[in-house]
PDB file of N, CA and C in Angstrom:
ATOM      1  N   MET A   1     252.479 -15.585-104.758  1.00  0.00           N
ATOM      2  CA  MET A   1     253.739 -15.474-105.458  1.00  0.00           C
ATOM      3  C   MET A   1     254.317 -14.092-105.182  1.00  0.00           C
ATOM      4  N   LYS A   2     255.631 -14.037-105.033  1.00  0.00           N
ATOM      5  CA  LYS A   2     256.337 -12.774-104.854  1.00  0.00           C
ATOM      6  C   LYS A   2     257.442 -12.677-105.896  1.00  0.00           C
ATOM      7  N   ILE A   3     257.658 -11.471-106.391  1.00  0.00           N
ATOM      8  CA  ILE A   3     258.802 -11.177-107.251  1.00  0.00           C
ATOM      9  C   ILE A   3     259.531 -10.034-106.572  1.00  0.00           C
ATOM     10  N   TYR A   4     260.822 -10.221-106.275  1.00  0.00           N
ATOM     11  CA  TYR A   4     261.607  -9.230-105.522  1.00  0.00           C
ATOM     12  C   TYR A   4     260.891  -8.854-104.223  1.00  0.00           C
ATOM     13  N   ASP A   5     260.314  -9.823-103.551  1.00  0.00           N
ATOM     14  CA  ASP A   5     259.604  -9.638-102.279  1.00  0.00           C
ATOM     15  C   ASP A   5     258.376  -8.742-102.378  1.00  0.00           C
ATOM     16  N   VAL A   6     257.846  -8.537-103.580  1.00  0.00           N
ATOM     17  CA  VAL A   6     256.594  -7.803-103.765  1.00  0.00           C
ATOM     18  C   VAL A   6     255.509  -8.837-104.034  1.00  0.00           C
ATOM     19  N   GLU A   7     254.482  -8.843-103.197  1.00  0.00           N
ATOM     20  CA  GLU A   7     253.390  -9.809-103.339  1.00  0.00           C
ATOM     21  C   GLU A   7     252.590  -9.515-104.605  1.00  0.00           C
ATOM     22  N   ILE A   8     252.430 -10.544-105.445  1.00  0.00           N
ATOM     23  CA  ILE A   8     251.613 -10.430-106.648  1.00  0.00           C
ATOM     24  C   ILE A   8     250.211 -10.911-106.265  1.00  0.00           C
ATOM     25  N   PRO A   9     249.183 -10.060-106.409  1.00  0.00           N
ATOM     26  CA  PRO A   9     247.835 -10.451-105.987  1.00  0.00           C
ATOM     27  C   PRO A   9     247.346 -11.711-106.707  1.00  0.00           C
ATOM     28  N   ALA A  10     246.578 -12.507-105.988  1.00  0.00           N
ATOM     29  CA  ALA A  10     246.067 -13.765-106.542  1.00  0.00           C
ATOM     30  C   ALA A  10     245.106 -13.535-107.701  1.00  0.00           C
ATOM     31  N   ASP A  11     244.445 -12.371-107.744  1.00  0.00           N
ATOM     32  CA  ASP A  11     243.494 -12.108-108.826  1.00  0.00           C
ATOM     33  C   ASP A  11     244.175 -11.696-110.131  1.00  0.00           C
ATOM     34  N   LEU A  12     245.479 -11.529-110.113  1.00  0.00           N
ATOM     35  CA  LEU A  12     246.223 -11.147-111.314  1.00  0.00           C
ATOM     36  C   LEU A  12     246.563 -12.412-112.105  1.00  0.00           C
ATOM     37  N   GLU A  13     245.922 -12.574-113.248  1.00  0.00           N
ATOM     38  CA  GLU A  13     246.103 -13.784-114.050  1.00  0.00           C
ATOM     39  C   GLU A  13     247.484 -13.800-114.701  1.00  0.00           C
ATOM     40  N   ILE A  14     248.219 -14.884-114.457  1.00  0.00           N
ATOM     41  CA  ILE A  14     249.502 -15.098-115.111  1.00  0.00           C
ATOM     42  C   ILE A  14     249.452 -16.511-115.686  1.00  0.00           C
ATOM     43  N   PRO A  15     249.139 -16.621-116.982  1.00  0.00           N
ATOM     44  CA  PRO A  15     248.985 -17.950-117.582  1.00  0.00           C
ATOM     45  C   PRO A  15     250.330 -18.654-117.762  1.00  0.00           C
ATOM     46  N   GLU A  16     250.247 -19.955-117.965  1.00  0.00           N
ATOM     47  CA  GLU A  16     251.443 -20.727-118.294  1.00  0.00           C
ATOM     48  C   GLU A  16     251.846 -20.406-119.732  1.00  0.00           C
ATOM     49  N   LEU A  17     253.141 -20.387-119.987  1.00  0.00           N
ATOM     50  CA  LEU A  17     253.613 -20.159-121.356  1.00  0.00           C
ATOM     51  C   LEU A  17     253.522 -21.448-122.155  1.00  0.00           C
ATOM     52  N   ASP A  18     253.172 -21.310-123.416  1.00  0.00           N
ATOM     53  CA  ASP A  18     253.150 -22.491-124.272  1.00  0.00           C
ATOM     54  C   ASP A  18     254.593 -22.885-124.597  1.00  0.00           C
ATOM     55  N   ASP A  19     254.766 -24.124-125.034  1.00  0.00           N
ATOM     56  CA  ASP A  19     256.106 -24.654-125.292  1.00  0.00           C
ATOM     57  C   ASP A  19     256.855 -23.856-126.353  1.00  0.00           C
ATOM     58  N   LYS A  20     256.146 -23.390-127.381  1.00  0.00           N
ATOM     59  CA  LYS A  20     256.794 -22.635-128.457  1.00  0.00           C
ATOM     60  C   LYS A  20     257.380 -21.322-127.931  1.00  0.00           C
ATOM     61  N   THR A  21     256.597 -20.581-127.156  1.00  0.00           N
ATOM     62  CA  THR A  21     257.071 -19.305-126.602  1.00  0.00           C
ATOM     63  C   THR A  21     258.227 -19.535-125.646  1.00  0.00           C
ATOM     64  N   ARG A  22     258.096 -20.557-124.808  1.00  0.00           N
ATOM     65  CA  ARG A  22     259.173 -20.879-123.863  1.00  0.00           C
ATOM     66  C   ARG A  22     260.464 -21.217-124.617  1.00  0.00           C
ATOM     67  N   ALA A  23     260.357 -21.993-125.691  1.00  0.00           N
ATOM     68  CA  ALA A  23     261.537 -22.354-126.486  1.00  0.00           C
ATOM     69  C   ALA A  23     262.153 -21.120-127.143  1.00  0.00           C
ATOM     70  N   GLU A  24     261.304 -20.208-127.630  1.00  0.00           N
ATOM     71  CA  GLU A  24     261.816 -18.973-128.241  1.00  0.00           C
ATOM     72  C   GLU A  24     262.569 -18.125-127.216  1.00  0.00           C
ATOM     73  N   LEU A  25     262.024 -18.018-126.011  1.00  0.00           N
ATOM     74  CA  LEU A  25     262.690 -17.240-124.966  1.00  0.00           C
ATOM     75  C   LEU A  25     264.011 -17.883-124.557  1.00  0.00           C
ATOM     76  N   GLU A  26     264.018 -19.200-124.418  1.00  0.00           N
ATOM     77  CA  GLU A  26     265.260 -19.906-124.077  1.00  0.00           C
ATOM     78  C   GLU A  26     266.300 -19.740-125.183  1.00  0.00           C
ATOM     79  N   ALA A  27     265.867 -19.790-126.452  1.00  0.00           N
ATOM     80  CA  ALA A  27     266.789 -19.608-127.575  1.00  0.00           C
ATOM     81  C   ALA A  27     267.363 -18.193-127.577  1.00  0.00           C
ATOM     82  N   THR A  28     266.529 -17.211-127.276  1.00  0.00           N
ATOM     83  CA  THR A  28     267.006 -15.829-127.209  1.00  0.00           C
ATOM     84  C   THR A  28     268.026 -15.667-126.092  1.00  0.00           C
ATOM     85  N   LEU A  29     267.752 -16.246-124.936  1.00  0.00           N
ATOM     86  CA  LEU A  29     268.684 -16.179-123.821  1.00  0.00           C
ATOM     87  C   LEU A  29     270.006 -16.864-124.169  1.00  0.00           C
ATOM     88  N   ALA A  30     269.941 -18.010-124.828  1.00  0.00           N
ATOM     89  CA  ALA A  30     271.157 -18.714-125.240  1.00  0.00           C
ATOM     90  C   ALA A  30     271.957 -17.869-126.234  1.00  0.00           C
ATOM     91  N   GLU A  31     271.263 -17.182-127.133  1.00  0.00           N
ATOM     92  CA  GLU A  31     271.937 -16.322-128.105  1.00  0.00           C
ATOM     93  C   GLU A  31     272.636 -15.149-127.410  1.00  0.00           C
ATOM     94  N   ILE A  32     271.982 -14.562-126.422  1.00  0.00           N
ATOM     95  CA  ILE A  32     272.588 -13.459-125.671  1.00  0.00           C
ATOM     96  C   ILE A  32     273.834 -13.939-124.940  1.00  0.00           C
ATOM     97  N   ARG A  33     273.734 -15.101-124.292  1.00  0.00           N
ATOM     98  CA  ARG A  33     274.897 -15.649-123.579  1.00  0.00           C
ATOM     99  C   ARG A  33     276.047 -15.953-124.542  1.00  0.00           C
ATOM    100  N   ARG A  34     275.720 -16.517-125.703  1.00  0.00           N
ATOM    101  CA  ARG A  34     276.747 -16.826-126.702  1.00  0.00           C
ATOM    102  C   ARG A  34     277.416 -15.538-127.193  1.00  0.00           C
ATOM    103  N   TYR A  35     276.614 -14.504-127.452  1.00  0.00           N
ATOM    104  CA  TYR A  35     277.162 -13.227-127.915  1.00  0.00           C
ATOM    105  C   TYR A  35     278.111 -12.640-126.866  1.00  0.00           C
ATOM    106  N   ARG A  36     277.713 -12.660-125.604  1.00  0.00           N
ATOM    107  CA  ARG A  36     278.566 -12.119-124.538  1.00  0.00           C
ATOM    108  C   ARG A  36     279.861 -12.902-124.408  1.00  0.00           C
ATOM    109  N   ARG A  37     279.780 -14.227-124.540  1.00  0.00           N
ATOM    110  CA  ARG A  37     280.976 -15.064-124.466  1.00  0.00           C
ATOM    111  C   ARG A  37     281.918 -14.751-125.628  1.00  0.00           C
ATOM    112  N   GLU A  38     281.355 -14.618-126.846  1.00  0.00           N
ATOM    113  CA  GLU A  38     282.173 -14.286-128.014  1.00  0.00           C
ATOM    114  C   GLU A  38     282.787 -12.898-127.875  1.00  0.00           C
ATOM    115  N   GLU A  39     282.042 -11.962-127.309  1.00  0.00           N
ATOM    116  CA  GLU A  39     282.562 -10.603-127.103  1.00  0.00           C
ATOM    117  C   GLU A  39     283.738 -10.624-126.129  1.00  0.00           C
ATOM    118  N   GLU A  40     283.643 -11.419-125.072  1.00  0.00           N
ATOM    119  CA  GLU A  40     284.750 -11.562-124.130  1.00  0.00           C
ATOM    120  C   GLU A  40     285.970 -12.162-124.817  1.00  0.00           C
ATOM    121  N   GLN A  41     285.760 -13.152-125.698  1.00  0.00           N
ATOM    122  CA  GLN A  41     286.872 -13.761-126.422  1.00  0.00           C
ATOM    123  C   GLN A  41     287.518 -12.766-127.383  1.00  0.00           C
ATOM    124  N   ARG A  42     286.682 -11.963-128.071  1.00  0.00           N
ATOM    125  CA  ARG A  42     287.233 -10.943-128.973  1.00  0.00           C
ATOM    126  C   ARG A  42     288.061  -9.926-128.200  1.00  0.00           C
ATOM    127  N   LEU A  43     287.572  -9.517-127.053  1.00  0.00           N
ATOM    128  CA  LEU A  43     288.301  -8.556-126.244  1.00  0.00           C
ATOM    129  C   LEU A  43     289.613  -9.155-125.748  1.00  0.00           C
ATOM    130  N   ALA A  44     289.599 -10.422-125.349  1.00  0.00           N
ATOM    131  CA  ALA A  44     290.818 -11.074-124.873  1.00  0.00           C
ATOM    132  C   ALA A  44     291.863 -11.170-125.978  1.00  0.00           C
ATOM    133  N   ALA A  45     291.424 -11.290-127.236  1.00  0.00           N
ATOM    134  CA  ALA A  45     292.353 -11.402-128.360  1.00  0.00           C
ATOM    135  C   ALA A  45     292.746 -10.037-128.927  1.00  0.00           C
ATOM    136  N   SER A  46     292.128  -8.984-128.471  1.00  0.00           N
ATOM    137  CA  SER A  46     292.359  -7.643-129.010  1.00  0.00           C
ATOM    138  C   SER A  46     293.678  -7.060-128.507  1.00  0.00           C
ATOM    139  N   PRO A  47     294.374  -6.298-129.362  1.00  0.00           N
ATOM    140  CA  PRO A  47     295.587  -5.623-128.891  1.00  0.00           C
ATOM    141  C   PRO A  47     295.263  -4.531-127.860  1.00  0.00           C
ATOM    142  N   LEU A  48     294.015  -4.160-127.746  1.00  0.00           N
ATOM    143  CA  LEU A  48     293.610  -3.129-126.786  1.00  0.00           C
ATOM    144  C   LEU A  48     293.197  -3.709-125.435  1.00  0.00           C
ATOM    145  N   ARG A  49     293.364  -5.024-125.261  1.00  0.00           N
ATOM    146  CA  ARG A  49     292.869  -5.671-124.043  1.00  0.00           C
ATOM    147  C   ARG A  49     293.519  -5.120-122.779  1.00  0.00           C
ATOM    148  N   ASP A  50     294.761  -4.642-122.881  1.00  0.00           N
ATOM    149  CA  ASP A  50     295.455  -4.136-121.697  1.00  0.00           C
ATOM    150  C   ASP A  50     295.333  -2.627-121.549  1.00  0.00           C
ATOM    151  N   TRP A  51     294.597  -2.007-122.456  1.00  0.00           N
ATOM    152  CA  TRP A  51     294.436  -0.562-122.406  1.00  0.00           C
ATOM    153  C   TRP A  51     293.629  -0.168-121.186  1.00  0.00           C
ATOM    154  N   GLN A  52     294.102   0.816-120.493  1.00  0.00           N
ATOM    155  CA  GLN A  52     293.405   1.301-119.307  1.00  0.00           C
ATOM    156  C   GLN A  52     292.923   2.725-119.561  1.00  0.00           C
ATOM    157  N   PRO A  53     291.668   2.996-119.319  1.00  0.00           N
ATOM    158  CA  PRO A  53     291.179   4.368-119.505  1.00  0.00           C
ATOM    159  C   PRO A  53     291.782   5.294-118.452  1.00  0.00           C
ATOM    160  N   ALA A  54     291.758   6.578-118.728  1.00  0.00           N
ATOM    161  CA  ALA A  54     292.257   7.564-117.777  1.00  0.00           C
ATOM    162  C   ALA A  54     291.435   7.501-116.495  1.00  0.00           C
ATOM    163  N   VAL A  55     292.080   7.797-115.403  1.00  0.00           N
ATOM    164  CA  VAL A  55     291.380   7.812-114.122  1.00  0.00           C
ATOM    165  C   VAL A  55     290.519   9.067-114.065  1.00  0.00           C
ATOM    166  N   VAL A  56     289.273   8.876-113.775  1.00  0.00           N
ATOM    167  CA  VAL A  56     288.334   9.990-113.699  1.00  0.00           C
ATOM    168  C   VAL A  56     287.788  10.057-112.280  1.00  0.00           C
ATOM    169  N   ARG A  57     287.858  11.214-111.705  1.00  0.00           N
ATOM    170  CA  ARG A  57     287.300  11.403-110.367  1.00  0.00           C
ATOM    171  C   ARG A  57     285.806  11.681-110.503  1.00  0.00           C
ATOM    172  N   PHE A  58     285.041  11.124-109.614  1.00  0.00           N
ATOM    173  CA  PHE A  58     283.603  11.334-109.678  1.00  0.00           C
ATOM    174  C   PHE A  58     283.034  11.423-108.273  1.00  0.00           C
ATOM    175  N   LYS A  59     281.875  11.981-108.206  1.00  0.00           N
ATOM    176  CA  LYS A  59     281.187  12.099-106.932  1.00  0.00           C
ATOM    177  C   LYS A  59     280.630  10.731-106.549  1.00  0.00           C
ATOM    178  N   GLU A  60     280.753  10.392-105.297  1.00  0.00           N
ATOM    179  CA  GLU A  60     280.264   9.096-104.812  1.00  0.00           C
ATOM    180  C   GLU A  60     278.749   9.004-105.004  1.00  0.00           C
ATOM    181  N   CYS A  61     278.316   7.927-105.613  1.00  0.00           N
ATOM    182  CA  CYS A  61     276.889   7.708-105.854  1.00  0.00           C
ATOM    183  C   CYS A  61     276.291   6.926-104.690  1.00  0.00           C
ATOM    184  N   PRO A  62     275.033   7.154-104.403  1.00  0.00           N
ATOM    185  CA  PRO A  62     274.397   6.354-103.355  1.00  0.00           C
ATOM    186  C   PRO A  62     274.253   4.907-103.834  1.00  0.00           C
ATOM    187  N   PRO A  63     274.159   3.965-102.919  1.00  0.00           N
ATOM    188  CA  PRO A  63     273.994   2.573-103.347  1.00  0.00           C
ATOM    189  C   PRO A  63     272.687   2.413-104.120  1.00  0.00           C
ATOM    190  N   PRO A  64     272.670   1.501-105.082  1.00  0.00           N
ATOM    191  CA  PRO A  64     271.443   1.316-105.868  1.00  0.00           C
ATOM    192  C   PRO A  64     270.312   0.787-104.987  1.00  0.00           C
ATOM    193  N   SER A  65     269.119   1.205-105.312  1.00  0.00           N
ATOM    194  CA  SER A  65     267.968   0.711-104.556  1.00  0.00           C
ATOM    195  C   SER A  65     267.632  -0.700-105.038  1.00  0.00           C
ATOM    196  N   PRO A  66     267.060  -1.514-104.176  1.00  0.00           N
ATOM    197  CA  PRO A  66     266.724  -2.878-104.596  1.00  0.00           C
ATOM    198  C   PRO A  66     265.645  -2.852-105.677  1.00  0.00           C
ATOM    199  N   PRO A  67     265.646  -3.849-106.554  1.00  0.00           N
ATOM    200  CA  PRO A  67     264.624  -3.891-107.603  1.00  0.00           C
ATOM    201  C   PRO A  67     263.229  -3.997-106.992  1.00  0.00           C
ATOM    202  N   SER A  68     262.260  -3.487-107.702  1.00  0.00           N
ATOM    203  CA  SER A  68     260.883  -3.529-107.226  1.00  0.00           C
ATOM    204  C   SER A  68     259.954  -3.790-108.401  1.00  0.00           C
ATOM    205  N   ILE A  69     258.744  -4.166-108.106  1.00  0.00           N
ATOM    206  CA  ILE A  69     257.740  -4.470-109.123  1.00  0.00           C
ATOM    207  C   ILE A  69     256.555  -3.533-108.933  1.00  0.00           C
ATOM    208  N   ASP A  70     256.073  -2.964-110.028  1.00  0.00           N
ATOM    209  CA  ASP A  70     254.877  -2.124-110.006  1.00  0.00           C
ATOM    210  C   ASP A  70     253.691  -3.013-110.388  1.00  0.00           C
ATOM    211  N   VAL A  71     252.911  -3.403-109.394  1.00  0.00           N
ATOM    212  CA  VAL A  71     251.794  -4.324-109.617  1.00  0.00           C
ATOM    213  C   VAL A  71     250.760  -3.708-110.557  1.00  0.00           C
ATOM    214  N   GLU A  72     250.529  -2.413-110.454  1.00  0.00           N
ATOM    215  CA  GLU A  72     249.552  -1.765-111.340  1.00  0.00           C
ATOM    216  C   GLU A  72     250.024  -1.800-112.792  1.00  0.00           C
ATOM    217  N   ALA A  73     251.324  -1.675-113.011  1.00  0.00           N
ATOM    218  CA  ALA A  73     251.850  -1.798-114.377  1.00  0.00           C
ATOM    219  C   ALA A  73     251.647  -3.226-114.887  1.00  0.00           C
ATOM    220  N   LEU A  74     251.820  -4.213-114.012  1.00  0.00           N
ATOM    221  CA  LEU A  74     251.560  -5.604-114.402  1.00  0.00           C
ATOM    222  C   LEU A  74     250.097  -5.794-114.790  1.00  0.00           C
ATOM    223  N   ARG A  75     249.204  -5.147-114.072  1.00  0.00           N
ATOM    224  CA  ARG A  75     247.767  -5.259-114.384  1.00  0.00           C
ATOM    225  C   ARG A  75     247.456  -4.733-115.784  1.00  0.00           C
ATOM    226  N   ARG A  76     248.171  -3.715-116.230  1.00  0.00           N
ATOM    227  CA  ARG A  76     247.913  -3.127-117.542  1.00  0.00           C
ATOM    228  C   ARG A  76     248.493  -3.967-118.685  1.00  0.00           C
ATOM    229  N   MET A  77     249.368  -4.912-118.362  1.00  0.00           N
ATOM    230  CA  MET A  77     249.963  -5.761-119.400  1.00  0.00           C
ATOM    231  C   MET A  77     248.979  -6.838-119.838  1.00  0.00           C
ATOM    232  N   PRO A  78     249.061  -7.247-121.108  1.00  0.00           N
ATOM    233  CA  PRO A  78     248.273  -8.408-121.534  1.00  0.00           C
ATOM    234  C   PRO A  78     248.760  -9.659-120.781  1.00  0.00           C
ATOM    235  N   PRO A  79     247.893 -10.642-120.574  1.00  0.00           N
ATOM    236  CA  PRO A  79     248.275 -11.840-119.813  1.00  0.00           C
ATOM    237  C   PRO A  79     249.536 -12.537-120.338  1.00  0.00           C
ATOM    238  N   LYS A  80     249.683 -12.646-121.658  1.00  0.00           N
ATOM    239  CA  LYS A  80     250.864 -13.338-122.188  1.00  0.00           C
ATOM    240  C   LYS A  80     252.137 -12.572-121.850  1.00  0.00           C
ATOM    241  N   LEU A  81     252.088 -11.252-121.902  1.00  0.00           N
ATOM    242  CA  LEU A  81     253.258 -10.446-121.555  1.00  0.00           C
ATOM    243  C   LEU A  81     253.594 -10.602-120.075  1.00  0.00           C
ATOM    244  N   ARG A  82     252.561 -10.696-119.228  1.00  0.00           N
ATOM    245  CA  ARG A  82     252.799 -10.962-117.801  1.00  0.00           C
ATOM    246  C   ARG A  82     253.519 -12.296-117.619  1.00  0.00           C
ATOM    247  N   ALA A  83     253.083 -13.303-118.373  1.00  0.00           N
ATOM    248  CA  ALA A  83     253.710 -14.626-118.276  1.00  0.00           C
ATOM    249  C   ALA A  83     255.173 -14.561-118.710  1.00  0.00           C
ATOM    250  N   ILE A  84     255.452 -13.807-119.766  1.00  0.00           N
ATOM    251  CA  ILE A  84     256.836 -13.646-120.229  1.00  0.00           C
ATOM    252  C   ILE A  84     257.654 -12.906-119.174  1.00  0.00           C
ATOM    253  N   PHE A  85     257.074 -11.877-118.565  1.00  0.00           N
ATOM    254  CA  PHE A  85     257.752 -11.122-117.511  1.00  0.00           C
ATOM    255  C   PHE A  85     258.126 -12.041-116.351  1.00  0.00           C
ATOM    256  N   VAL A  86     257.176 -12.852-115.907  1.00  0.00           N
ATOM    257  CA  VAL A  86     257.445 -13.777-114.799  1.00  0.00           C
ATOM    258  C   VAL A  86     258.502 -14.797-115.214  1.00  0.00           C
ATOM    259  N   PHE A  87     258.442 -15.274-116.454  1.00  0.00           N
ATOM    260  CA  PHE A  87     259.442 -16.225-116.941  1.00  0.00           C
ATOM    261  C   PHE A  87     260.829 -15.585-116.928  1.00  0.00           C
ATOM    262  N   ALA A  88     260.910 -14.326-117.363  1.00  0.00           N
ATOM    263  CA  ALA A  88     262.202 -13.634-117.409  1.00  0.00           C
ATOM    264  C   ALA A  88     262.771 -13.404-116.008  1.00  0.00           C
ATOM    265  N   HIS A  89     261.897 -13.292-115.016  1.00  0.00           N
ATOM    266  CA  HIS A  89     262.335 -13.056-113.635  1.00  0.00           C
ATOM    267  C   HIS A  89     262.199 -14.308-112.775  1.00  0.00           C
ATOM    268  N   ARG A  90     262.167 -15.467-113.395  1.00  0.00           N
ATOM    269  CA  ARG A  90     261.893 -16.710-112.673  1.00  0.00           C
ATOM    270  C   ARG A  90     262.887 -16.987-111.546  1.00  0.00           C
ATOM    271  N   ASP A  91     264.109 -16.483-111.650  1.00  0.00           N
ATOM    272  CA  ASP A  91     265.082 -16.710-110.577  1.00  0.00           C
ATOM    273  C   ASP A  91     264.770 -15.866-109.339  1.00  0.00           C
ATOM    274  N   ASP A  92     263.914 -14.859-109.495  1.00  0.00           N
ATOM    275  CA  ASP A  92     263.584 -13.965-108.388  1.00  0.00           C
ATOM    276  C   ASP A  92     262.170 -14.182-107.855  1.00  0.00           C
ATOM    277  N   VAL A  93     261.503 -15.250-108.319  1.00  0.00           N
ATOM    278  CA  VAL A  93     260.141 -15.561-107.873  1.00  0.00           C
ATOM    279  C   VAL A  93     260.214 -16.458-106.643  1.00  0.00           C
ATOM    280  N   THR A  94     259.434 -16.084-105.623  1.00  0.00           N
ATOM    281  CA  THR A  94     259.307 -16.924-104.428  1.00  0.00           C
ATOM    282  C   THR A  94     257.825 -17.147-104.156  1.00  0.00           C
ATOM    283  N   TYR A  95     257.542 -18.198-103.410  1.00  0.00           N
ATOM    284  CA  TYR A  95     256.147 -18.527-103.086  1.00  0.00           C
ATOM    285  C   TYR A  95     255.938 -18.554-101.598  1.00  0.00           C
TER     286      TYR A  95
END
């Protein structure tokens, strides 16, 4: 298994999540999406929606580095937390 193209060693135990934990995570994600959608609607209805901040000059930043995984940090996590981590990054997991 790879996450962000970083090979996860086979000896690193990542258990399956139980249905209750999976449902809780899905409910939390749905709540976050609902909150963001409501925030967009509030902003669209706000009299400040057309307000533009002052133009600020800034130094050009380098492009962001691609995401990476610290396998040793994963090893220090409890197995259930590893499973939650993999679940949260499931769109970036490849085999």
